[in-house]
Amino acid sequence: MSSGRAVFVGALVVGLALLGAGRELHDAIEHWERLGPLPAGGPTPAFEVITLDGGTFSQQDLHGKVSVVTFWATWCPACVSELGDLEELQHEYPGAEVQFLAINHDGGLTASQAAARVQAFVAERSMTLPTALDDGRAARSFRVGPIPHTLIVGRDGVVRYIHQGRVLSSALRDEIETLLDAG
């Protein structure tokens, strides 16, 4: 191959790569609102998870109560710490006005492996926090990034607060109280 032809082919390859990168950048800018975490103020997305007791929990179960939903993993120290706070916090709201759900997002496991790991985790800690397993679909629906990823949903099913990373129980308590006071 002549050097002129090699330069032309090289320039063509670089040009096509830049064109592809430009297209991806354009798409990212055009659909910016779909990147990152689910924004507060919108309805909860459609989802369904299997609870450890064999039932299901879905978008419809979030209506009528203030709901605290957290995505977590057994290997995540911040998640384990936050679960302890949520475990205690749920006992401050024993009535039917507030519900809690911890959705495990370990990933990379079969359904039976995930169930066994989470059941052992829950039993080891004597956890009473309602817990569910996610095969990844719920996390994608909620656009979960860093975990723990905790959402507070109003009685109307609208996501009101979102926390990426560890959140203190005092902040959650304040948000729950704000939503309870709102009626």
N, C-alpha and C. Protein backbone atom coordinates (compact mmCIF):
# COMPACT_ATOMS: atom_id res chain seq x y z
N MET A 1 0.86 -1.16 0.00
CA MET A 1 0.00 0.00 0.00
C MET A 1 0.91 1.22 0.00
N SER A 2 0.57 2.18 -0.86
CA SER A 2 1.38 3.41 -0.93
C SER A 2 1.15 4.24 0.32
N SER A 3 2.12 5.09 0.64
CA SER A 3 1.99 5.91 1.85
C SER A 3 0.82 6.88 1.75
N GLY A 4 0.53 7.40 0.57
CA GLY A 4 -0.61 8.30 0.39
C GLY A 4 -1.93 7.58 0.65
N ARG A 5 -1.98 6.35 0.18
CA ARG A 5 -3.20 5.57 0.39
C ARG A 5 -3.37 5.22 1.87
N ALA A 6 -2.27 4.88 2.54
CA ALA A 6 -2.30 4.55 3.97
C ALA A 6 -2.77 5.75 4.79
N VAL A 7 -2.29 6.95 4.42
CA VAL A 7 -2.71 8.16 5.11
C VAL A 7 -4.19 8.38 4.90
N PHE A 8 -4.67 8.17 3.68
CA PHE A 8 -6.09 8.35 3.38
C PHE A 8 -6.94 7.38 4.20
N VAL A 9 -6.55 6.10 4.24
CA VAL A 9 -7.30 5.09 4.98
C VAL A 9 -7.29 5.44 6.47
N GLY A 10 -6.14 5.85 6.98
CA GLY A 10 -6.04 6.25 8.39
C GLY A 10 -6.93 7.43 8.70
N ALA A 11 -6.93 8.42 7.83
CA ALA A 11 -7.77 9.60 8.03
C ALA A 11 -9.25 9.22 7.97
N LEU A 12 -9.60 8.30 7.09
CA LEU A 12 -10.98 7.84 6.96
C LEU A 12 -11.42 7.13 8.24
N VAL A 13 -10.57 6.29 8.79
CA VAL A 13 -10.89 5.58 10.03
C VAL A 13 -11.09 6.56 11.18
N VAL A 14 -10.17 7.54 11.29
CA VAL A 14 -10.29 8.54 12.35
C VAL A 14 -11.57 9.36 12.15
N GLY A 15 -11.87 9.74 10.94
CA GLY A 15 -13.08 10.51 10.65
C GLY A 15 -14.34 9.75 11.02
N LEU A 16 -14.39 8.47 10.69
CA LEU A 16 -15.56 7.65 11.04
C LEU A 16 -15.69 7.51 12.56
N ALA A 17 -14.57 7.35 13.25
CA ALA A 17 -14.60 7.26 14.72
C ALA A 17 -15.13 8.56 15.32
N LEU A 18 -14.67 9.68 14.81
CA LEU A 18 -15.15 10.97 15.31
C LEU A 18 -16.63 11.16 15.02
N LEU A 19 -17.07 10.72 13.86
CA LEU A 19 -18.48 10.82 13.51
C LEU A 19 -19.32 10.00 14.49
N GLY A 20 -18.87 8.78 14.80
CA GLY A 20 -19.59 7.94 15.75
C GLY A 20 -19.62 8.56 17.15
N ALA A 21 -18.50 9.12 17.58
CA ALA A 21 -18.44 9.77 18.90
C ALA A 21 -19.35 10.98 18.93
N GLY A 22 -19.38 11.73 17.85
CA GLY A 22 -20.25 12.90 17.78
C GLY A 22 -21.71 12.51 17.87
N ARG A 23 -22.07 11.42 17.23
CA ARG A 23 -23.45 10.94 17.28
C ARG A 23 -23.82 10.53 18.71
N GLU A 24 -22.92 9.83 19.41
CA GLU A 24 -23.18 9.43 20.79
C GLU A 24 -23.30 10.64 21.70
N LEU A 25 -22.47 11.65 21.49
CA LEU A 25 -22.55 12.87 22.28
C LEU A 25 -23.87 13.58 22.03
N HIS A 26 -24.29 13.66 20.79
CA HIS A 26 -25.56 14.28 20.44
C HIS A 26 -26.72 13.55 21.13
N ASP A 27 -26.71 12.21 21.07
CA ASP A 27 -27.78 11.44 21.71
C ASP A 27 -27.80 11.66 23.21
N ALA A 28 -26.62 11.73 23.84
CA ALA A 28 -26.54 11.94 25.28
C ALA A 28 -27.10 13.32 25.65
N ILE A 29 -26.78 14.33 24.88
CA ILE A 29 -27.28 15.68 25.15
C ILE A 29 -28.79 15.74 24.94
N GLU A 30 -29.26 15.11 23.86
CA GLU A 30 -30.68 15.14 23.53
C GLU A 30 -31.53 14.41 24.58
N HIS A 31 -30.97 13.36 25.18
CA HIS A 31 -31.73 12.55 26.14
C HIS A 31 -31.13 12.67 27.55
N TRP A 32 -30.60 13.83 27.87
CA TRP A 32 -29.96 14.07 29.15
C TRP A 32 -30.85 13.71 30.32
N GLU A 33 -32.14 14.00 30.22
CA GLU A 33 -33.06 13.77 31.34
C GLU A 33 -33.20 12.30 31.68
N ARG A 34 -32.80 11.40 30.78
CA ARG A 34 -32.90 9.97 31.05
C ARG A 34 -31.60 9.39 31.61
N LEU A 35 -30.59 10.23 31.76
CA LEU A 35 -29.33 9.79 32.33
C LEU A 35 -29.31 10.14 33.81
N GLY A 36 -28.57 9.42 34.59
CA GLY A 36 -28.48 9.69 36.01
C GLY A 36 -29.69 9.16 36.74
N PRO A 37 -29.79 9.51 38.01
CA PRO A 37 -30.88 8.95 38.82
C PRO A 37 -32.24 9.48 38.40
N LEU A 38 -33.24 8.71 38.73
CA LEU A 38 -34.62 9.13 38.51
C LEU A 38 -34.83 10.45 39.24
N PRO A 39 -35.37 11.46 38.59
CA PRO A 39 -35.55 12.74 39.26
C PRO A 39 -36.73 12.73 40.23
N ALA A 40 -36.61 13.49 41.29
CA ALA A 40 -37.73 13.66 42.21
C ALA A 40 -38.84 14.43 41.52
N GLY A 41 -40.07 14.17 41.92
CA GLY A 41 -41.20 14.89 41.37
C GLY A 41 -41.98 14.14 40.32
N GLY A 42 -41.50 12.98 39.94
CA GLY A 42 -42.21 12.18 38.94
C GLY A 42 -42.77 10.91 39.54
N PRO A 43 -43.64 10.26 38.81
CA PRO A 43 -44.23 9.01 39.32
C PRO A 43 -43.17 7.91 39.40
N THR A 44 -43.41 6.96 40.26
CA THR A 44 -42.50 5.82 40.32
C THR A 44 -42.64 5.01 39.04
N PRO A 45 -41.54 4.47 38.56
CA PRO A 45 -41.61 3.67 37.34
C PRO A 45 -42.27 2.32 37.61
N ALA A 46 -42.69 1.68 36.56
CA ALA A 46 -43.24 0.33 36.69
C ALA A 46 -42.11 -0.62 37.11
N PHE A 47 -42.40 -1.47 38.08
CA PHE A 47 -41.42 -2.46 38.52
C PHE A 47 -42.16 -3.55 39.29
N GLU A 48 -41.49 -4.68 39.43
CA GLU A 48 -42.00 -5.75 40.27
C GLU A 48 -40.80 -6.54 40.79
N VAL A 49 -40.78 -6.77 42.10
CA VAL A 49 -39.73 -7.56 42.72
C VAL A 49 -40.37 -8.68 43.54
N ILE A 50 -39.57 -9.70 43.78
CA ILE A 50 -40.02 -10.84 44.58
C ILE A 50 -39.55 -10.62 46.02
N THR A 51 -40.47 -10.68 46.96
CA THR A 51 -40.11 -10.50 48.36
C THR A 51 -39.58 -11.83 48.92
N LEU A 52 -38.82 -11.74 50.01
CA LEU A 52 -38.24 -12.96 50.59
C LEU A 52 -39.29 -13.94 51.07
N ASP A 53 -40.49 -13.44 51.37
CA ASP A 53 -41.55 -14.36 51.80
C ASP A 53 -42.28 -14.99 50.61
N GLY A 54 -41.80 -14.73 49.39
CA GLY A 54 -42.38 -15.35 48.20
C GLY A 54 -43.45 -14.53 47.51
N GLY A 55 -43.79 -13.38 48.05
CA GLY A 55 -44.79 -12.51 47.41
C GLY A 55 -44.14 -11.60 46.39
N THR A 56 -44.92 -10.67 45.91
CA THR A 56 -44.39 -9.67 44.99
C THR A 56 -44.68 -8.27 45.54
N PHE A 57 -43.91 -7.33 45.08
CA PHE A 57 -44.10 -5.92 45.45
C PHE A 57 -43.91 -5.14 44.17
N SER A 58 -44.86 -4.25 43.88
CA SER A 58 -44.79 -3.52 42.61
C SER A 58 -45.14 -2.05 42.81
N GLN A 59 -45.14 -1.34 41.72
CA GLN A 59 -45.44 0.09 41.70
C GLN A 59 -46.77 0.39 42.40
N GLN A 60 -47.77 -0.43 42.20
CA GLN A 60 -49.09 -0.20 42.79
C GLN A 60 -49.05 -0.25 44.33
N ASP A 61 -48.10 -1.00 44.88
CA ASP A 61 -48.01 -1.12 46.34
C ASP A 61 -47.46 0.14 47.00
N LEU A 62 -46.98 1.09 46.21
CA LEU A 62 -46.43 2.33 46.74
C LEU A 62 -47.51 3.40 46.94
N HIS A 63 -48.70 3.18 46.44
CA HIS A 63 -49.76 4.18 46.55
C HIS A 63 -50.49 4.04 47.89
N GLY A 64 -50.80 5.19 48.50
CA GLY A 64 -51.59 5.21 49.72
C GLY A 64 -50.76 5.30 51.00
N LYS A 65 -49.46 5.09 50.90
CA LYS A 65 -48.58 5.17 52.07
C LYS A 65 -47.33 5.95 51.70
N VAL A 66 -46.67 6.51 52.69
CA VAL A 66 -45.34 7.04 52.48
C VAL A 66 -44.43 5.82 52.44
N SER A 67 -43.62 5.72 51.41
CA SER A 67 -42.78 4.53 51.23
C SER A 67 -41.30 4.90 51.19
N VAL A 68 -40.51 4.12 51.92
CA VAL A 68 -39.06 4.25 51.91
C VAL A 68 -38.53 3.01 51.23
N VAL A 69 -37.91 3.20 50.07
CA VAL A 69 -37.39 2.09 49.27
C VAL A 69 -35.89 2.28 49.12
N THR A 70 -35.13 1.25 49.48
CA THR A 70 -33.69 1.35 49.33
C THR A 70 -33.16 0.17 48.51
N PHE A 71 -32.23 0.46 47.63
CA PHE A 71 -31.50 -0.56 46.87
C PHE A 71 -30.17 -0.75 47.58
N TRP A 72 -29.78 -1.99 47.82
CA TRP A 72 -28.59 -2.29 48.61
C TRP A 72 -27.97 -3.59 48.15
N ALA A 73 -26.78 -3.88 48.67
CA ALA A 73 -26.10 -5.14 48.40
C ALA A 73 -25.44 -5.64 49.67
N THR A 74 -25.29 -6.95 49.78
CA THR A 74 -24.72 -7.55 50.98
C THR A 74 -23.24 -7.19 51.14
N TRP A 75 -22.55 -6.93 50.06
CA TRP A 75 -21.12 -6.63 50.08
C TRP A 75 -20.81 -5.15 50.31
N CYS A 76 -21.82 -4.32 50.47
CA CYS A 76 -21.67 -2.86 50.55
C CYS A 76 -21.72 -2.40 52.01
N PRO A 77 -20.59 -1.98 52.60
CA PRO A 77 -20.60 -1.56 54.01
C PRO A 77 -21.55 -0.39 54.29
N ALA A 78 -21.64 0.58 53.39
CA ALA A 78 -22.56 1.71 53.60
C ALA A 78 -24.01 1.22 53.59
N CYS A 79 -24.29 0.25 52.74
CA CYS A 79 -25.65 -0.31 52.68
C CYS A 79 -26.00 -1.01 53.99
N VAL A 80 -25.07 -1.82 54.48
CA VAL A 80 -25.30 -2.56 55.72
C VAL A 80 -25.55 -1.58 56.87
N SER A 81 -24.77 -0.52 56.92
CA SER A 81 -24.95 0.50 57.95
C SER A 81 -26.32 1.17 57.83
N GLU A 82 -26.70 1.53 56.60
CA GLU A 82 -27.99 2.18 56.40
C GLU A 82 -29.15 1.23 56.72
N LEU A 83 -29.00 -0.05 56.40
CA LEU A 83 -30.05 -1.01 56.72
C LEU A 83 -30.32 -1.06 58.22
N GLY A 84 -29.26 -0.95 59.02
CA GLY A 84 -29.44 -0.91 60.47
C GLY A 84 -30.30 0.28 60.89
N ASP A 85 -30.04 1.43 60.28
CA ASP A 85 -30.86 2.61 60.58
C ASP A 85 -32.31 2.41 60.13
N LEU A 86 -32.49 1.85 58.95
CA LEU A 86 -33.85 1.62 58.44
C LEU A 86 -34.60 0.62 59.32
N GLU A 87 -33.88 -0.38 59.79
CA GLU A 87 -34.47 -1.38 60.69
C GLU A 87 -35.03 -0.69 61.92
N GLU A 88 -34.26 0.22 62.51
CA GLU A 88 -34.73 0.95 63.69
C GLU A 88 -35.83 1.95 63.33
N LEU A 89 -35.67 2.64 62.21
CA LEU A 89 -36.62 3.68 61.80
C LEU A 89 -38.00 3.10 61.54
N GLN A 90 -38.07 1.89 60.98
CA GLN A 90 -39.39 1.31 60.70
C GLN A 90 -40.20 1.11 61.97
N HIS A 91 -39.52 0.89 63.10
CA HIS A 91 -40.23 0.68 64.37
C HIS A 91 -40.79 1.98 64.94
N GLU A 92 -40.31 3.12 64.42
CA GLU A 92 -40.86 4.42 64.84
C GLU A 92 -42.20 4.70 64.15
N TYR A 93 -42.49 3.96 63.10
CA TYR A 93 -43.73 4.15 62.32
C TYR A 93 -44.47 2.82 62.22
N PRO A 94 -45.00 2.32 63.33
CA PRO A 94 -45.63 0.99 63.32
C PRO A 94 -46.99 0.95 62.64
N GLY A 95 -47.61 2.09 62.41
CA GLY A 95 -48.93 2.10 61.78
C GLY A 95 -48.85 1.82 60.29
N ALA A 96 -49.96 1.95 59.65
CA ALA A 96 -50.05 1.63 58.23
C ALA A 96 -49.71 2.82 57.33
N GLU A 97 -49.25 3.94 57.92
CA GLU A 97 -48.99 5.14 57.10
C GLU A 97 -47.65 5.13 56.39
N VAL A 98 -46.67 4.38 56.92
CA VAL A 98 -45.33 4.35 56.34
C VAL A 98 -44.92 2.91 56.14
N GLN A 99 -44.34 2.62 54.98
CA GLN A 99 -43.83 1.28 54.72
C GLN A 99 -42.39 1.36 54.24
N PHE A 100 -41.64 0.30 54.50
CA PHE A 100 -40.24 0.22 54.13
C PHE A 100 -40.02 -1.01 53.26
N LEU A 101 -39.10 -0.90 52.31
CA LEU A 101 -38.73 -2.04 51.48
C LEU A 101 -37.26 -1.92 51.12
N ALA A 102 -36.51 -2.97 51.42
CA ALA A 102 -35.09 -3.04 51.07
C ALA A 102 -34.96 -4.00 49.89
N ILE A 103 -34.57 -3.47 48.74
CA ILE A 103 -34.45 -4.28 47.52
C ILE A 103 -32.98 -4.63 47.31
N ASN A 104 -32.67 -5.92 47.41
CA ASN A 104 -31.29 -6.36 47.25
C ASN A 104 -30.90 -6.30 45.78
N HIS A 105 -29.70 -5.77 45.56
CA HIS A 105 -29.19 -5.56 44.20
C HIS A 105 -27.74 -6.08 44.13
N ASP A 106 -27.53 -7.32 44.60
CA ASP A 106 -26.18 -7.89 44.58
C ASP A 106 -25.66 -8.09 43.16
N GLY A 107 -26.48 -8.59 42.27
CA GLY A 107 -26.08 -8.77 40.88
C GLY A 107 -25.09 -9.91 40.70
N GLY A 108 -25.05 -10.44 39.48
CA GLY A 108 -24.10 -11.48 39.13
C GLY A 108 -24.40 -12.85 39.71
N LEU A 109 -25.57 -13.01 40.31
CA LEU A 109 -25.94 -14.28 40.92
C LEU A 109 -27.19 -14.83 40.26
N THR A 110 -27.35 -16.13 40.33
CA THR A 110 -28.61 -16.71 39.89
C THR A 110 -29.67 -16.34 40.92
N ALA A 111 -30.92 -16.50 40.57
CA ALA A 111 -32.00 -16.16 41.50
C ALA A 111 -31.89 -16.97 42.79
N SER A 112 -31.57 -18.25 42.69
CA SER A 112 -31.47 -19.08 43.90
C SER A 112 -30.25 -18.70 44.73
N GLN A 113 -29.13 -18.35 44.08
CA GLN A 113 -27.95 -17.90 44.83
C GLN A 113 -28.24 -16.59 45.58
N ALA A 114 -28.89 -15.66 44.88
CA ALA A 114 -29.22 -14.37 45.51
C ALA A 114 -30.15 -14.59 46.69
N ALA A 115 -31.17 -15.42 46.50
CA ALA A 115 -32.12 -15.68 47.58
C ALA A 115 -31.41 -16.30 48.79
N ALA A 116 -30.54 -17.26 48.56
CA ALA A 116 -29.82 -17.91 49.66
C ALA A 116 -28.91 -16.91 50.38
N ARG A 117 -28.20 -16.09 49.63
CA ARG A 117 -27.29 -15.11 50.24
C ARG A 117 -28.07 -14.10 51.08
N VAL A 118 -29.16 -13.58 50.53
CA VAL A 118 -29.92 -12.55 51.24
C VAL A 118 -30.65 -13.15 52.44
N GLN A 119 -31.20 -14.34 52.30
CA GLN A 119 -31.86 -14.98 53.45
C GLN A 119 -30.87 -15.21 54.59
N ALA A 120 -29.66 -15.63 54.28
CA ALA A 120 -28.64 -15.83 55.31
C ALA A 120 -28.26 -14.49 55.95
N PHE A 121 -28.12 -13.46 55.13
CA PHE A 121 -27.80 -12.12 55.62
C PHE A 121 -28.88 -11.63 56.59
N VAL A 122 -30.13 -11.77 56.20
CA VAL A 122 -31.27 -11.32 57.01
C VAL A 122 -31.34 -12.11 58.32
N ALA A 123 -31.17 -13.42 58.23
CA ALA A 123 -31.24 -14.27 59.43
C ALA A 123 -30.09 -13.95 60.39
N GLU A 124 -28.89 -13.75 59.86
CA GLU A 124 -27.72 -13.46 60.68
C GLU A 124 -27.90 -12.19 61.50
N ARG A 125 -28.63 -11.23 60.96
CA ARG A 125 -28.83 -9.94 61.62
C ARG A 125 -30.21 -9.82 62.28
N SER A 126 -31.00 -10.86 62.23
CA SER A 126 -32.37 -10.86 62.77
C SER A 126 -33.16 -9.66 62.22
N MET A 127 -32.98 -9.41 60.94
CA MET A 127 -33.63 -8.27 60.29
C MET A 127 -35.12 -8.52 60.12
N THR A 128 -35.93 -7.53 60.43
CA THR A 128 -37.38 -7.61 60.19
C THR A 128 -37.80 -6.69 59.05
N LEU A 129 -36.86 -5.94 58.51
CA LEU A 129 -37.13 -5.01 57.41
C LEU A 129 -37.61 -5.80 56.19
N PRO A 130 -38.79 -5.47 55.64
CA PRO A 130 -39.26 -6.17 54.45
C PRO A 130 -38.19 -6.09 53.36
N THR A 131 -37.87 -7.25 52.78
CA THR A 131 -36.76 -7.36 51.84
C THR A 131 -37.22 -8.06 50.57
N ALA A 132 -36.68 -7.59 49.45
CA ALA A 132 -37.01 -8.17 48.15
C ALA A 132 -35.73 -8.38 47.35
N LEU A 133 -35.84 -9.17 46.30
CA LEU A 133 -34.71 -9.46 45.42
C LEU A 133 -34.96 -8.83 44.05
N ASP A 134 -33.92 -8.24 43.50
CA ASP A 134 -34.01 -7.61 42.19
C ASP A 134 -33.10 -8.34 41.22
N ASP A 135 -33.63 -8.67 40.07
CA ASP A 135 -32.81 -9.29 39.03
C ASP A 135 -32.14 -8.23 38.16
N GLY A 136 -32.25 -6.98 38.54
CA GLY A 136 -31.64 -5.88 37.80
C GLY A 136 -32.66 -4.99 37.10
N ARG A 137 -33.84 -5.52 36.84
CA ARG A 137 -34.85 -4.73 36.12
C ARG A 137 -35.37 -3.56 36.95
N ALA A 138 -35.63 -3.77 38.24
CA ALA A 138 -36.13 -2.67 39.09
C ALA A 138 -35.06 -1.58 39.21
N ALA A 139 -33.81 -1.98 39.39
CA ALA A 139 -32.73 -1.01 39.50
C ALA A 139 -32.62 -0.18 38.22
N ARG A 140 -32.78 -0.83 37.07
CA ARG A 140 -32.75 -0.07 35.80
C ARG A 140 -33.95 0.87 35.71
N SER A 141 -35.12 0.43 36.16
CA SER A 141 -36.31 1.28 36.12
C SER A 141 -36.13 2.52 36.98
N PHE A 142 -35.49 2.35 38.14
CA PHE A 142 -35.27 3.46 39.06
C PHE A 142 -33.96 4.20 38.77
N ARG A 143 -33.24 3.74 37.75
CA ARG A 143 -31.96 4.34 37.34
C ARG A 143 -30.98 4.43 38.51
N VAL A 144 -30.85 3.30 39.19
CA VAL A 144 -29.96 3.20 40.34
C VAL A 144 -28.51 3.21 39.87
N GLY A 145 -27.73 4.06 40.49
CA GLY A 145 -26.29 4.11 40.24
C GLY A 145 -25.59 3.63 41.49
N PRO A 146 -24.92 4.54 42.19
CA PRO A 146 -24.24 4.15 43.43
C PRO A 146 -25.25 3.68 44.47
N ILE A 147 -24.83 2.68 45.24
CA ILE A 147 -25.68 2.19 46.32
C ILE A 147 -25.00 2.46 47.64
N PRO A 148 -25.76 2.58 48.72
CA PRO A 148 -27.21 2.48 48.74
C PRO A 148 -27.87 3.62 47.95
N HIS A 149 -29.02 3.33 47.46
CA HIS A 149 -29.81 4.28 46.67
C HIS A 149 -31.21 4.25 47.29
N THR A 150 -31.59 5.31 47.97
CA THR A 150 -32.82 5.32 48.75
C THR A 150 -33.78 6.38 48.23
N LEU A 151 -35.03 5.99 48.09
CA LEU A 151 -36.08 6.88 47.61
C LEU A 151 -37.18 6.97 48.64
N ILE A 152 -37.76 8.16 48.78
CA ILE A 152 -38.95 8.34 49.61
C ILE A 152 -40.06 8.71 48.64
N VAL A 153 -41.12 7.92 48.67
CA VAL A 153 -42.26 8.08 47.76
C VAL A 153 -43.46 8.55 48.58
N GLY A 154 -44.14 9.57 48.09
CA GLY A 154 -45.33 10.07 48.76
C GLY A 154 -46.51 9.13 48.59
N ARG A 155 -47.57 9.42 49.33
CA ARG A 155 -48.79 8.59 49.26
C ARG A 155 -49.37 8.53 47.85
N ASP A 156 -49.07 9.57 47.07
CA ASP A 156 -49.60 9.64 45.70
C ASP A 156 -48.76 8.86 44.70
N GLY A 157 -47.71 8.17 45.15
CA GLY A 157 -46.88 7.38 44.25
C GLY A 157 -45.81 8.20 43.54
N VAL A 158 -45.64 9.44 43.96
CA VAL A 158 -44.63 10.32 43.34
C VAL A 158 -43.35 10.26 44.16
N VAL A 159 -42.23 10.11 43.46
CA VAL A 159 -40.93 10.10 44.12
C VAL A 159 -40.65 11.51 44.63
N ARG A 160 -40.48 11.65 45.93
CA ARG A 160 -40.29 12.98 46.54
C ARG A 160 -38.84 13.26 46.91
N TYR A 161 -38.10 12.24 47.35
CA TYR A 161 -36.70 12.43 47.76
C TYR A 161 -35.87 11.27 47.24
N ILE A 162 -34.63 11.57 46.85
CA ILE A 162 -33.71 10.55 46.36
C ILE A 162 -32.36 10.76 47.02
N HIS A 163 -31.77 9.67 47.49
CA HIS A 163 -30.44 9.73 48.10
C HIS A 163 -29.55 8.68 47.46
N GLN A 164 -28.46 9.12 46.86
CA GLN A 164 -27.44 8.20 46.36
C GLN A 164 -26.33 8.17 47.39
N GLY A 165 -26.01 6.99 47.89
CA GLY A 165 -25.04 6.87 48.95
C GLY A 165 -25.73 6.87 50.30
N ARG A 166 -24.96 6.74 51.33
CA ARG A 166 -25.47 6.61 52.70
C ARG A 166 -26.24 7.86 53.12
N VAL A 167 -27.42 7.66 53.67
CA VAL A 167 -28.23 8.76 54.18
C VAL A 167 -28.50 8.51 55.67
N LEU A 168 -28.46 9.57 56.44
CA LEU A 168 -28.69 9.43 57.88
C LEU A 168 -30.18 9.27 58.18
N SER A 169 -30.47 8.54 59.23
CA SER A 169 -31.87 8.32 59.61
C SER A 169 -32.55 9.63 59.97
N SER A 170 -31.80 10.60 60.49
CA SER A 170 -32.41 11.89 60.84
C SER A 170 -32.95 12.59 59.58
N ALA A 171 -32.23 12.49 58.48
CA ALA A 171 -32.70 13.09 57.22
C ALA A 171 -33.95 12.35 56.73
N LEU A 172 -33.92 11.04 56.78
CA LEU A 172 -35.09 10.26 56.36
C LEU A 172 -36.29 10.56 57.24
N ARG A 173 -36.07 10.65 58.53
CA ARG A 173 -37.16 10.96 59.47
C ARG A 173 -37.79 12.30 59.12
N ASP A 174 -36.96 13.31 58.86
CA ASP A 174 -37.48 14.64 58.50
C ASP A 174 -38.31 14.57 57.22
N GLU A 175 -37.84 13.83 56.24
CA GLU A 175 -38.57 13.71 54.96
C GLU A 175 -39.88 12.95 55.14
N ILE A 176 -39.85 11.90 55.92
CA ILE A 176 -41.07 11.13 56.19
C ILE A 176 -42.08 12.03 56.90
N GLU A 177 -41.64 12.75 57.91
CA GLU A 177 -42.53 13.64 58.66
C GLU A 177 -43.13 14.72 57.75
N THR A 178 -42.30 15.27 56.87
CA THR A 178 -42.80 16.28 55.93
C THR A 178 -43.92 15.72 55.08
N LEU A 179 -43.75 14.49 54.58
CA LEU A 179 -44.78 13.88 53.75
C LEU A 179 -46.02 13.48 54.55
N LEU A 180 -45.83 13.03 55.78
CA LEU A 180 -46.98 12.70 56.62
C LEU A 180 -47.78 13.95 56.96
N ASP A 181 -47.08 15.05 57.24
CA ASP A 181 -47.75 16.32 57.55
C ASP A 181 -48.50 16.88 56.36
N ALA A 182 -48.00 16.59 55.16
CA ALA A 182 -48.62 17.10 53.94
C ALA A 182 -49.97 16.47 53.68
N GLY A 183 -50.22 15.35 54.34
CA GLY A 183 -51.53 14.70 54.19
C GLY A 183 -51.64 13.78 53.11
